[in-house]
Protein backbone atom coordinates (compact mmCIF):
# COMPACT_ATOMS: atom_id res chain seq x y z
CA MET A 1 -16.47 -1.32 -37.27
CA ALA A 2 -16.67 2.55 -36.45
CA GLU A 3 -19.68 1.82 -34.23
CA THR A 4 -17.87 -1.31 -32.18
CA LYS A 5 -15.14 1.67 -31.28
CA SER A 6 -17.37 4.33 -29.80
CA MET A 7 -17.98 3.17 -26.31
CA GLY A 8 -17.62 6.37 -23.97
CA LEU A 9 -16.50 6.99 -20.23
CA TRP A 10 -20.04 6.53 -18.84
CA ALA A 11 -20.36 3.67 -20.85
CA SER A 12 -17.66 2.08 -20.15
CA ALA A 13 -17.92 3.10 -16.34
CA SER A 14 -21.59 1.17 -16.84
CA ILE A 15 -19.96 -2.00 -17.41
CA GLY A 16 -17.86 -1.73 -13.71
CA VAL A 17 -20.75 -0.40 -12.04
CA GLY A 18 -23.11 -3.09 -13.76
CA ALA A 19 -21.19 -5.94 -12.55
CA MET A 20 -20.89 -4.45 -9.55
CA VAL A 21 -24.15 -3.45 -8.07
CA GLY A 22 -26.20 -6.55 -7.51
CA ALA A 23 -23.42 -8.84 -6.46
CA GLY A 24 -23.20 -7.14 -3.10
CA ILE A 25 -25.84 -4.84 -1.99
CA PHE A 26 -28.45 -7.52 -3.15
CA SER A 27 -26.77 -11.27 -2.88
CA ILE A 28 -25.21 -11.12 0.20
CA PHE A 29 -26.00 -8.19 2.15
CA GLY A 30 -28.25 -10.01 4.74
CA THR A 31 -24.77 -12.44 5.34
CA ALA A 32 -22.53 -9.59 5.45
CA ALA A 33 -24.75 -8.28 8.03
CA GLN A 34 -24.61 -10.77 10.45
CA ILE A 35 -20.63 -11.01 9.94
CA SER A 36 -20.40 -7.28 10.60
CA GLY A 37 -23.31 -5.94 12.09
CA ASN A 38 -24.58 -2.64 12.04
CA ALA A 39 -21.04 -1.58 10.48
CA VAL A 40 -21.80 -3.51 7.61
CA TYR A 41 -21.47 -0.08 5.71
CA VAL A 42 -17.03 0.19 7.47
CA SER A 43 -16.90 -3.80 5.75
CA PHE A 44 -17.74 -2.07 2.42
CA ILE A 45 -16.22 0.76 2.90
CA ILE A 46 -12.40 -1.20 3.72
CA ALA A 47 -13.64 -3.48 1.21
CA GLY A 48 -14.26 -0.46 -1.56
CA MET A 49 -10.22 0.77 -0.26
CA ILE A 50 -8.91 -2.25 -1.39
CA ALA A 51 -10.79 -1.91 -4.79
CA LEU A 52 -9.44 1.27 -5.44
CA LEU A 53 -5.81 -0.23 -4.99
CA ASN A 54 -6.74 -2.75 -7.44
CA THR A 55 -8.28 -0.22 -9.50
CA TYR A 56 -4.79 1.74 -10.16
CA SER A 57 -2.74 -1.24 -10.91
CA TYR A 58 -5.71 -2.22 -13.80
CA ALA A 59 -5.46 1.07 -14.94
CA LYS A 60 -1.98 1.20 -15.60
CA MET A 61 -1.65 -2.08 -16.76
CA GLY A 62 -5.13 -1.58 -19.04
CA VAL A 63 -3.58 1.40 -20.53
CA ARG A 64 -0.51 -0.05 -21.46
CA TYR A 65 -1.74 -3.55 -22.74
CA PRO A 66 -5.06 -2.48 -24.12
CA SER A 67 -6.81 -5.88 -24.73
CA ALA A 68 -10.10 -7.76 -24.78
CA GLY A 69 -7.90 -10.40 -22.97
CA GLY A 70 -8.31 -8.00 -19.62
CA PRO A 71 -6.32 -9.24 -16.80
CA VAL A 72 -5.25 -12.62 -18.63
CA GLU A 73 -3.11 -10.12 -20.91
CA PHE A 74 -1.53 -8.68 -17.64
CA MET A 75 -0.56 -11.79 -16.43
CA LEU A 76 0.97 -12.75 -19.49
CA LYS A 77 3.04 -10.08 -19.59
CA GLY A 78 4.29 -10.42 -16.37
CA PHE A 79 4.66 -14.14 -16.54
CA GLY A 80 4.88 -15.31 -20.34
CA ASP A 81 2.38 -18.20 -21.55
CA GLY A 82 3.56 -20.84 -19.31
CA ILE A 83 1.26 -23.27 -16.71
CA LEU A 84 1.24 -19.63 -13.63
CA SER A 85 -0.73 -17.82 -16.64
CA GLY A 86 -3.30 -20.48 -17.70
CA GLY A 87 -3.86 -22.32 -14.36
CA LEU A 88 -4.57 -18.43 -12.87
CA ASN A 89 -7.17 -17.41 -16.00
CA LEU A 90 -9.05 -21.30 -15.78
CA LEU A 91 -9.42 -20.08 -11.83
CA LEU A 92 -10.51 -16.19 -13.18
CA TRP A 93 -13.15 -18.18 -14.85
CA VAL A 94 -13.95 -20.11 -12.38
CA GLY A 95 -14.24 -16.75 -10.32
CA TYR A 96 -17.08 -15.66 -12.34
CA VAL A 97 -19.11 -19.28 -12.44
CA PHE A 98 -19.14 -18.76 -8.43
CA GLY A 99 -20.02 -14.90 -9.07
CA LEU A 100 -22.63 -15.98 -11.48
CA ALA A 101 -24.21 -18.51 -9.28
CA LEU A 102 -23.97 -15.84 -6.26
CA TYR A 103 -26.01 -13.54 -8.36
CA ALA A 104 -28.64 -16.13 -9.52
CA LYS A 105 -28.59 -17.32 -6.04
CA GLY A 106 -30.09 -13.61 -5.23
CA PHE A 107 -32.40 -13.37 -8.09
CA SER A 108 -33.93 -16.01 -6.78
CA TYR A 109 -34.35 -15.14 -3.34
CA TYR A 110 -35.94 -11.54 -4.05
CA ALA A 111 -38.02 -13.49 -6.76
CA ILE A 112 -39.96 -16.14 -4.17
CA THR A 113 -41.35 -12.59 -2.80
CA PHE A 114 -43.83 -11.94 -5.47
CA LEU A 115 -44.90 -15.37 -3.99
CA PRO A 116 -47.62 -16.42 -1.47
CA ALA A 117 -46.14 -16.75 1.58
CA GLY A 118 -45.36 -20.16 2.79
CA SER A 119 -44.45 -21.71 -1.14
CA ALA A 120 -42.26 -24.48 -1.35
CA PRO A 121 -38.70 -24.20 -1.05
CA VAL A 122 -38.29 -25.40 -4.52
CA TRP A 123 -39.20 -22.21 -6.24
CA THR A 124 -35.96 -21.04 -4.90
CA SER A 125 -33.99 -23.74 -7.17
CA PHE A 126 -36.17 -23.28 -10.01
CA PHE A 127 -35.98 -19.11 -10.65
CA ALA A 128 -31.85 -19.40 -9.62
CA THR A 129 -32.73 -22.02 -12.68
CA ALA A 130 -35.05 -20.42 -15.05
CA ILE A 131 -32.64 -16.89 -14.84
CA ILE A 132 -29.45 -18.36 -15.79
CA LEU A 133 -31.06 -20.52 -18.46
CA ALA A 134 -33.28 -17.39 -19.39
CA PHE A 135 -29.78 -15.56 -19.83
CA THR A 136 -28.05 -18.85 -21.99
CA ALA A 137 -31.06 -18.68 -24.69
CA ILE A 138 -30.65 -14.73 -25.19
CA ASN A 139 -26.53 -14.98 -25.44
CA PHE A 140 -26.79 -18.34 -27.88
CA ARG A 141 -29.74 -16.62 -30.36
CA GLY A 142 -26.70 -13.32 -30.31
CA ALA A 143 -28.99 -10.78 -28.90
CA LYS A 144 -26.50 -7.64 -29.45
CA THR A 145 -29.22 -5.49 -27.87
CA VAL A 146 -28.44 -6.94 -24.66
CA GLY A 147 -25.12 -5.51 -24.17
CA LYS A 148 -26.11 -2.06 -25.82
CA SER A 149 -28.99 -1.82 -22.75
CA GLU A 150 -26.53 -2.04 -20.00
CA LEU A 151 -26.30 1.53 -19.47
CA PHE A 152 -29.82 2.29 -19.40
CA ILE A 153 -30.23 -0.97 -17.19
CA VAL A 154 -27.36 0.50 -14.43
CA SER A 155 -29.30 3.98 -14.64
CA ILE A 156 -32.74 2.55 -13.41
CA LYS A 157 -30.78 0.85 -10.77
CA VAL A 158 -28.87 3.11 -9.53
CA GLY A 159 -31.34 5.52 -9.34
CA ILE A 160 -33.98 2.85 -7.63
CA LEU A 161 -30.85 2.35 -4.64
CA LEU A 162 -30.34 6.01 -4.64
CA LEU A 163 -33.83 6.80 -4.07
CA PHE A 164 -34.37 4.42 -1.50
CA ALA A 165 -31.09 5.34 0.45
CA ALA A 166 -31.88 9.40 0.40
CA ALA A 167 -36.22 8.37 1.52
CA GLY A 168 -34.48 6.09 3.97
CA MET A 169 -32.16 8.32 5.76
CA PHE A 170 -35.58 10.75 6.81
CA TYR A 171 -36.62 7.25 8.30
CA VAL A 172 -33.36 5.74 10.51
CA THR A 173 -33.55 5.00 13.99
CA PRO A 174 -30.70 6.43 15.38
CA GLY A 175 -30.29 3.81 18.01
CA ASN A 176 -29.63 1.27 15.27
CA LEU A 177 -26.15 2.50 14.32
CA SER A 178 -24.56 3.19 17.31
CA ILE A 179 -21.09 2.66 17.20
CA SER A 180 -21.21 0.89 20.72
CA ALA A 181 -22.86 -1.87 19.08
CA TRP A 182 -20.18 -2.69 16.52
CA PRO A 183 -18.99 -6.31 16.96
CA ALA A 184 -15.51 -7.59 17.16
CA PRO A 185 -13.18 -5.17 14.94
CA LYS A 186 -12.23 -8.31 13.19
CA ASN A 187 -15.36 -9.41 11.97
CA LEU A 188 -15.40 -5.93 10.28
CA PHE A 189 -12.96 -7.25 8.71
CA PHE A 190 -14.59 -10.81 7.85
CA GLY A 191 -17.22 -9.20 6.57
CA ALA A 192 -15.05 -6.44 4.28
CA GLY A 193 -13.80 -10.13 2.66
CA MET A 194 -17.75 -11.52 2.42
CA VAL A 195 -18.84 -8.05 0.47
CA PHE A 196 -15.25 -7.58 -1.60
CA LEU A 197 -17.01 -9.97 -4.23
CA ALA A 198 -19.12 -6.63 -4.32
CA TYR A 199 -16.82 -5.07 -6.03
CA GLN A 200 -15.01 -7.34 -8.93
CA GLY A 201 -16.79 -5.97 -11.75
CA PHE A 202 -14.34 -3.33 -11.74
CA GLY A 203 -12.33 -5.55 -13.96
CA LEU A 204 -14.71 -6.11 -16.41
CA ILE A 205 -14.09 -2.75 -18.12
CA THR A 206 -10.77 -3.90 -19.09
CA ASN A 207 -12.10 -5.86 -21.12
CA ALA A 208 -13.78 -3.52 -23.43
CA ALA A 209 -10.43 -1.32 -23.81
CA GLU A 210 -10.68 -1.97 -27.43
CA ASP A 211 -13.85 -0.57 -28.11
CA MET A 212 -13.37 2.48 -26.18
CA LYS A 213 -12.53 6.26 -27.17
CA ASN A 214 -9.65 7.81 -26.29
CA PRO A 215 -8.83 4.21 -23.81
CA GLU A 216 -5.64 6.58 -22.81
CA LYS A 217 -8.05 8.75 -20.32
CA ASN A 218 -11.17 7.25 -20.28
CA LEU A 219 -10.19 3.36 -19.12
CA PRO A 220 -8.57 4.75 -15.67
CA ARG A 221 -11.55 7.45 -15.66
CA ALA A 222 -14.39 4.56 -16.04
CA LEU A 223 -12.33 2.51 -13.69
CA TYR A 224 -12.10 4.64 -11.03
CA LEU A 225 -15.84 6.34 -11.64
CA SER A 226 -17.36 3.04 -11.37
CA VAL A 227 -15.70 2.04 -8.18
CA VAL A 228 -16.28 5.33 -6.39
CA LEU A 229 -19.97 5.37 -7.64
CA VAL A 230 -20.52 2.06 -6.21
CA ILE A 231 -18.62 2.75 -2.64
CA ILE A 232 -21.02 5.88 -2.63
CA ILE A 233 -24.18 3.78 -3.40
CA TYR A 234 -23.12 0.61 -0.91
CA VAL A 235 -22.75 3.01 1.89
CA SER A 236 -25.54 4.83 1.57
CA VAL A 237 -27.70 2.12 0.98
CA SER A 238 -26.02 0.16 3.91
CA LEU A 239 -27.08 3.01 6.39
CA ALA A 240 -30.01 3.70 5.33
CA VAL A 241 -31.38 -0.69 5.91
CA ILE A 242 -29.27 -0.54 9.53
CA GLY A 243 -30.65 2.54 9.82
CA ASN A 244 -34.66 1.25 9.78
CA LEU A 245 -33.85 -2.52 10.46
CA SER A 246 -32.30 -3.84 13.87
CA VAL A 247 -29.51 -6.58 13.49
CA PRO A 248 -32.08 -9.29 14.12
CA GLU A 249 -34.64 -8.11 12.02
CA ILE A 250 -31.53 -7.97 9.53
CA GLN A 251 -31.12 -11.70 10.32
CA ASN A 252 -34.61 -12.65 10.08
CA ALA A 253 -35.08 -10.93 6.36
CA GLN A 254 -31.29 -12.35 5.42
CA ASP A 255 -32.71 -13.26 1.87
CA TYR A 256 -34.27 -10.23 0.90
CA ALA A 257 -32.92 -7.73 3.51
CA LEU A 258 -33.25 -4.39 1.32
CA ALA A 259 -36.90 -5.55 0.90
CA ALA A 260 -37.64 -5.60 3.55
CA ALA A 261 -35.91 -2.44 4.89
CA ALA A 262 -37.85 -0.56 2.26
CA LYS A 263 -41.05 -1.76 4.05
CA PRO A 264 -41.40 0.58 7.06
CA PHE A 265 -41.01 3.74 5.46
CA LEU A 266 -42.69 2.92 2.06
CA GLY A 267 -45.12 -0.04 3.09
CA ASP A 268 -45.05 -2.88 1.11
CA ILE A 269 -45.23 -0.88 -2.38
CA GLY A 270 -42.01 -0.18 -1.20
CA PHE A 271 -40.91 -3.67 -0.63
CA LYS A 272 -42.09 -4.61 -3.96
CA ILE A 273 -39.97 -1.75 -5.66
CA MET A 274 -36.99 -2.85 -3.94
CA ALA A 275 -37.78 -6.32 -4.50
CA PHE A 276 -38.60 -5.74 -8.16
CA ALA A 277 -35.03 -3.63 -8.35
CA ALA A 278 -33.29 -6.69 -7.02
CA LEU A 279 -34.43 -8.51 -9.75
CA PHE A 280 -33.16 -6.11 -12.14
CA SER A 281 -30.08 -5.31 -10.72
CA THR A 282 -28.78 -9.30 -10.66
CA SER A 283 -30.52 -9.43 -14.23
CA SER A 284 -28.12 -6.82 -15.22
CA ALA A 285 -24.76 -8.42 -13.17
CA ILE A 286 -25.18 -11.82 -14.91
CA ASN A 287 -25.60 -10.16 -17.84
CA ALA A 288 -22.28 -8.18 -17.43
CA SER A 289 -20.22 -11.04 -16.21
CA LEU A 290 -21.82 -14.10 -18.66
CA TYR A 291 -21.46 -11.68 -21.56
CA GLY A 292 -18.17 -10.07 -20.58
CA GLY A 293 -15.15 -11.96 -18.22
CA ALA A 294 -16.95 -15.76 -18.64
CA ASN A 295 -16.99 -15.46 -22.35
CA VAL A 296 -13.53 -14.08 -22.46
CA SER A 297 -11.74 -16.87 -20.10
CA TYR A 298 -13.46 -19.47 -21.62
CA ILE A 299 -12.53 -18.44 -25.05
CA LEU A 300 -8.64 -17.85 -23.87
CA ALA A 301 -8.75 -21.03 -22.23
CA LYS A 302 -10.08 -23.18 -25.43
CA ASP A 303 -8.46 -21.36 -28.24
CA GLY A 304 -5.45 -19.57 -26.59
CA GLU A 305 -5.98 -16.34 -28.29
CA LEU A 306 -9.52 -14.15 -29.10
CA PRO A 307 -10.31 -13.84 -32.62
CA GLU A 308 -8.78 -10.59 -34.27
CA ILE A 309 -13.10 -8.86 -33.88
CA PHE A 310 -13.75 -9.90 -30.44
CA GLU A 311 -17.63 -8.96 -29.74
CA ARG A 312 -18.00 -9.82 -25.77
CA LYS A 313 -21.49 -9.72 -25.96
CA VAL A 314 -22.22 -13.06 -27.87
CA TRP A 315 -20.54 -16.69 -27.64
CA HIS A 316 -20.17 -17.13 -31.55
CA ARG A 317 -16.91 -18.35 -31.35
CA SER A 318 -17.59 -21.19 -28.25
CA PRO A 319 -20.97 -21.86 -27.83
CA GLU A 320 -19.71 -24.72 -26.12
CA GLY A 321 -18.24 -22.99 -23.37
CA LEU A 322 -21.36 -21.11 -22.71
CA PHE A 323 -23.52 -24.32 -22.06
CA ILE A 324 -20.24 -25.55 -19.60
CA THR A 325 -20.10 -22.14 -17.67
CA SER A 326 -24.13 -22.31 -17.16
CA SER A 327 -24.48 -25.68 -16.15
CA LEU A 328 -21.47 -25.20 -13.77
CA VAL A 329 -23.74 -21.58 -12.96
CA ILE A 330 -26.29 -23.68 -12.34
CA LEU A 331 -24.90 -26.98 -10.40
CA CYS A 332 -23.15 -24.53 -8.02
CA ALA A 333 -26.40 -22.31 -6.91
CA ASN A 334 -28.97 -25.26 -6.29
CA PHE A 335 -25.71 -27.04 -4.41
CA LEU A 336 -23.60 -24.70 -2.19
CA GLN A 337 -24.82 -21.84 0.43
CA LEU A 338 -24.87 -18.22 -0.35
CA GLU A 339 -22.17 -17.80 2.26
CA GLY A 340 -20.21 -20.64 0.66
CA ILE A 341 -20.18 -18.88 -3.12
CA GLY A 342 -19.19 -15.81 -2.23
CA MET A 343 -16.60 -16.57 -0.24
CA LEU A 344 -15.56 -18.83 -2.80
CA ALA A 345 -15.77 -16.08 -5.41
CA SER A 346 -14.17 -13.78 -3.49
CA THR A 347 -10.79 -15.96 -2.77
CA CYS A 348 -10.56 -16.80 -6.34
CA LEU A 349 -10.90 -13.81 -7.53
CA LEU A 350 -8.52 -12.19 -4.78
CA MET A 351 -6.13 -14.44 -6.03
CA VAL A 352 -6.26 -13.34 -9.61
CA TYR A 353 -5.62 -9.60 -8.19
CA VAL A 354 -2.68 -10.85 -5.84
CA ALA A 355 -0.97 -12.29 -9.55
CA VAL A 356 -1.78 -8.95 -11.43
CA ASN A 357 0.14 -7.16 -8.27
CA ILE A 358 3.03 -9.30 -9.29
CA SER A 359 2.54 -9.25 -12.35
CA HIS A 360 2.53 -5.42 -12.61
CA LEU A 361 5.68 -5.23 -10.40
CA ARG A 362 7.91 -6.95 -13.09
CA LEU A 363 6.43 -4.62 -15.11
CA LEU A 364 6.88 -1.18 -13.76
CA LYS A 365 9.12 0.71 -16.23
CA GLU A 366 6.65 -0.28 -18.79
CA THR A 367 3.50 0.83 -17.43
CA GLY A 368 5.19 4.08 -15.32
CA ALA A 369 3.16 2.94 -12.14
CA LYS A 370 4.03 4.16 -8.75
CA SER A 371 6.00 1.41 -7.14
CA TYR A 372 4.49 1.89 -3.32
CA ILE A 373 0.97 1.98 -4.74
CA ILE A 374 1.38 -1.11 -6.39
CA TRP A 375 2.99 -2.60 -3.26
CA ALA A 376 0.12 -1.48 -1.16
CA SER A 377 -2.41 -3.19 -3.90
CA LEU A 378 -0.34 -6.52 -3.41
CA LEU A 379 0.25 -6.49 0.65
CA SER A 380 -3.73 -5.60 0.73
CA SER A 381 -4.62 -7.94 -1.56
CA LEU A 382 -2.66 -11.10 0.14
CA THR A 383 -3.49 -9.74 3.58
CA PHE A 384 -7.35 -9.92 2.82
CA PHE A 385 -6.87 -13.45 0.85
CA CYS A 386 -5.43 -14.61 3.90
CA VAL A 387 -8.33 -12.98 6.03
CA LEU A 388 -11.04 -15.34 4.40
CA LEU A 389 -8.64 -18.49 4.91
CA TYR A 390 -8.75 -17.22 8.32
CA TYR A 391 -12.63 -17.25 8.11
CA GLU A 392 -13.39 -20.29 6.12
CA PHE A 393 -10.79 -22.05 8.33
CA MET A 394 -12.58 -21.15 11.45
CA HIS A 395 -16.38 -21.25 10.19
CA SER A 396 -16.67 -23.82 6.88
CA LYS A 397 -13.77 -26.33 6.56
CA THR A 398 -16.08 -27.58 3.40
CA THR A 399 -15.84 -24.80 1.31
CA LEU A 400 -11.68 -24.43 2.30
CA GLY A 401 -11.68 -27.69 0.92
CA LEU A 402 -13.88 -26.97 -2.22
CA LEU A 403 -11.26 -23.77 -2.67
CA GLY A 404 -8.78 -26.15 -2.39
CA PHE A 405 -9.80 -28.69 -5.10
CA THR A 406 -11.15 -25.90 -7.07
CA VAL A 407 -7.53 -24.52 -7.34
CA PHE A 408 -6.30 -27.95 -7.71
CA CYS A 409 -8.33 -28.85 -10.68
CA CYS A 410 -7.41 -25.65 -12.37
CA PHE A 411 -3.66 -25.71 -12.51
CA ALA A 412 -4.15 -29.59 -13.05
CA ALA A 413 -6.53 -29.17 -15.96
CA GLU A 414 -4.47 -26.49 -17.19
CA TRP A 415 -1.11 -29.15 -17.56
CA THR A 416 -3.00 -31.72 -19.06
CA TYR A 417 -4.59 -29.09 -21.75
CA ARG A 418 -1.43 -27.94 -22.39
CA LYS A 419 0.18 -31.50 -22.32
CA TYR A 420 -2.20 -33.50 -24.79
CA SER A 421 -3.27 -30.43 -27.05
CA GLY A 422 -0.02 -28.16 -27.26
CA ARG A 423 -2.04 -24.80 -26.65
CA LEU A 424 -0.19 -21.75 -25.86
CA ILE A 425 -1.71 -18.31 -25.42
CA LYS A 426 -1.23 -15.65 -27.45
CA GLU A 427 -1.00 -12.16 -26.60
CA ARG A 428 -2.57 -9.76 -28.34
CA THR A 429 -0.78 -6.61 -27.50
CA GLY A 430 2.80 -5.64 -28.08
């Protein structure tokens, strides 16, 4: 029992870094660069600032209400148990499903670079499906070592990315970074909306609060540390990619932009190293999200409470949830476009962040948070959400329609399930 409560600062931060790195830089960098052009690093900074504001809210709430339920617990405290909090929990779970599909898609795009040129497109679907099935099998067998290895995995992939960024800076073409070539300002915000998903992993740290050493100090530190580290990594890597590839070249290598950016100064071996790092990173993100947030959300949706001794790494209480989640991920990865998946995941998670901030405003006396920071977090998240809706309306009404359908289904399913099962969601903290 003592072993399960021995998670230190760096191990806790690695959960967030593991979920974040792999989502943005590897999975959607090329798509984001299509929107933000050579100013894509600015989009990462904008999205990172919004994430930091939300980090403050999560830190205050996480310390006051430490629970494996994480943001679900926060919304329960502010809104009480009802259709609203239950539907938002389902929306959070669906957000993780979209995020997992994005990681699987990113994994597949880098995996096919190891195949001979001109290989059949079916391999993309094969690899995306295979990686989810592999982690499903490991998870079903209850391999605890996967979760314990997260710090090791994160250290390796972050090290590779920082080395890539440092080496790439020596070969930068200054003209590629020219401010005069920036797109219209609105594109920077559209791009920021796309890459916002790259920061969603920090919330998983709050799910580990019950297992953390001295959570009053380590939880806030782990949250801030993970987001700041990831902002530095994203901006450094973005500058290295933009500095070594023109925007048209990035568009041509959109699905594996980082590997392509390593080729000019590291050659074919650099391409392969970065492609391997992408496989490593997206696998780590799948690990953190599947074993963490999706597990918590599904069990809460089904049973209304978490077991007293909750192990995030094993779906031991609701194994059917693992298969349902994995099946939905496979469907999304195979039938939705990368940009659409990214936008859907970002908008779903932004809705949850908005709800958490509204809930926090109702609990300021209990958390002791500064109201103006919570208001800034709420308004910035709400603005970002509206920016994404506008972008989807202008560029993909199908994606917007799917978002509306998803939200409707989450709340309709919650209403129906409550009516016929009588299930209530119970709080874990006092």
